[in-house]
Amino acid sequence: MATMIDEKRRGKFGNMIIGSWNKKDEGFVWFSFWCTHVPGREGQMTPVFTADPREAMQFVYTDTPKSVIAQINETWPEMKLFDVPASWPLCDTGRRLIRAMFGQLPEEDETEEDDE
């Protein structure tokens, strides 16, 4: 019976990963692991991010990334974290979808063309 309950907590699209839009590099970064050896924060759990989604920590259950996001947001609320299926950033369609949902879309050309 415990297995049945656990299966209900799994995502429809597989394992989940945590991401954030990186304004500086105009790309996404992915949560990789916790580190306690960061200079100036020794002994404190500090999230480490990677640009490669294949190196991201994967979560089996859908509620786990949400609790990790809440934990990170306690110290870094400006990060604007989200969770997506781990397979999405590995394919073209998934990357476009993530960029449309969570990324910075390119500014549209505001010049109006005449319809004569």
Protein backbone atom coordinates (compact mmCIF):
# COMPACT_ATOMS: atom_id res chain seq x y z
CA MET A 1 0.00 0.00 0.00
CA ALA A 2 2.89 2.38 0.67
CA THR A 3 4.00 1.90 -2.93
CA MET A 4 0.60 3.01 -4.22
CA ILE A 5 0.76 6.24 -2.20
CA ASP A 6 4.31 6.93 -3.39
CA GLU A 7 3.30 6.39 -7.03
CA LYS A 8 0.65 9.10 -6.68
CA ARG A 9 3.37 11.57 -5.65
CA ARG A 10 5.40 10.92 -8.82
CA GLY A 11 5.23 13.40 -11.69
CA LYS A 12 3.40 12.54 -14.90
CA PHE A 13 6.47 13.49 -16.94
CA GLY A 14 9.17 11.79 -14.85
CA ASN A 15 11.78 13.22 -12.51
CA MET A 16 11.78 16.95 -11.79
CA ILE A 17 14.63 19.48 -11.64
CA ILE A 18 14.83 23.01 -10.24
CA GLY A 19 15.82 25.92 -12.46
CA SER A 20 16.21 29.67 -12.41
CA TRP A 21 16.60 32.32 -15.11
CA ASN A 22 20.10 33.81 -14.99
CA LYS A 23 19.72 37.46 -16.07
CA LYS A 24 23.46 38.03 -16.22
CA ASP A 25 24.16 35.30 -18.78
CA GLU A 26 20.65 35.31 -20.25
CA GLY A 27 20.23 31.59 -19.76
CA PHE A 28 18.97 29.08 -17.26
CA VAL A 29 20.85 27.57 -14.35
CA TRP A 30 19.87 24.33 -12.65
CA PHE A 31 20.11 23.33 -8.97
CA SER A 32 22.88 20.76 -8.64
CA PHE A 33 23.67 20.18 -4.94
CA TRP A 34 24.09 21.72 -1.50
CA CYS A 35 27.57 22.80 -0.41
CA THR A 36 28.74 23.70 3.10
CA HIS A 37 32.25 24.85 2.07
CA VAL A 38 31.49 28.19 0.42
CA PRO A 39 33.86 30.97 1.57
CA GLY A 40 32.04 33.35 3.89
CA ARG A 41 29.28 30.78 4.48
CA GLU A 42 31.27 27.89 5.96
CA GLY A 43 29.02 25.34 7.59
CA GLN A 44 25.84 26.78 6.05
CA MET A 45 24.03 24.93 3.31
CA THR A 46 24.43 26.92 0.09
CA PRO A 47 22.77 25.86 -3.17
CA VAL A 48 25.06 25.28 -6.14
CA PHE A 49 23.77 25.71 -9.68
CA THR A 50 25.05 24.48 -13.02
CA ALA A 51 24.43 25.59 -16.60
CA ASP A 52 24.13 21.95 -17.74
CA PRO A 53 20.68 20.48 -16.96
CA ARG A 54 22.15 16.95 -17.13
CA GLU A 55 24.11 17.77 -13.95
CA ALA A 56 21.01 18.96 -12.08
CA MET A 57 19.74 17.11 -9.03
CA GLN A 58 16.66 15.11 -10.00
CA PHE A 59 13.66 14.64 -7.73
CA VAL A 60 11.38 11.62 -8.03
CA TYR A 61 8.41 13.10 -6.19
CA THR A 62 6.69 16.33 -7.25
CA ASP A 63 6.44 17.75 -3.73
CA THR A 64 10.18 17.49 -2.99
CA PRO A 65 11.39 20.22 -5.39
CA LYS A 66 8.72 22.56 -4.03
CA SER A 67 10.08 22.14 -0.50
CA VAL A 68 13.67 22.67 -1.73
CA ILE A 69 12.55 25.82 -3.58
CA ALA A 70 10.96 27.09 -0.36
CA GLN A 71 14.18 26.35 1.53
CA ILE A 72 16.32 28.23 -1.01
CA ASN A 73 13.86 31.15 -1.13
CA GLU A 74 14.26 31.70 2.62
CA THR A 75 17.78 33.03 1.96
CA TRP A 76 17.62 34.02 -1.73
CA PRO A 77 14.06 35.14 -2.55
CA GLU A 78 15.22 37.01 -5.65
CA MET A 79 16.14 33.79 -7.49
CA LYS A 80 12.65 33.13 -8.95
CA LEU A 81 12.98 29.33 -8.89
CA PHE A 82 10.70 26.87 -10.69
CA ASP A 83 10.54 23.13 -11.24
CA VAL A 84 10.13 21.32 -14.55
CA PRO A 85 10.45 17.74 -15.77
CA ALA A 86 14.12 16.79 -16.17
CA SER A 87 13.64 15.88 -19.84
CA TRP A 88 12.37 19.31 -20.92
CA PRO A 89 15.70 21.20 -21.06
CA LEU A 90 17.23 18.36 -23.08
CA CYS A 91 15.04 18.80 -26.15
CA ASP A 92 14.38 21.77 -28.41
CA THR A 93 10.64 21.91 -27.77
CA GLY A 94 11.12 21.65 -24.02
CA ARG A 95 13.68 24.46 -24.01
CA ARG A 96 11.32 26.71 -25.97
CA LEU A 97 8.51 25.91 -23.55
CA ILE A 98 10.68 26.64 -20.50
CA ARG A 99 11.90 29.89 -22.04
CA ALA A 100 8.33 30.96 -22.80
CA MET A 101 7.12 30.06 -19.31
CA PHE A 102 10.02 31.21 -17.14
CA GLY A 103 12.65 32.98 -19.24
CA GLN A 104 13.12 36.45 -20.52
CA LEU A 105 11.47 36.65 -23.91
CA PRO A 106 13.08 38.92 -26.49
CA GLU A 107 11.61 42.39 -26.65
CA GLU A 108 9.13 42.78 -29.47
CA ASP A 109 9.66 45.41 -32.13
CA GLU A 110 7.29 48.20 -31.21
CA THR A 111 7.37 49.94 -34.57
CA GLU A 112 4.03 49.95 -36.29
CA GLU A 113 3.80 49.13 -39.94
CA ASP A 114 1.29 50.91 -42.14
CA ASP A 115 -1.44 48.75 -43.59
CA GLU A 116 -2.15 50.75 -46.74
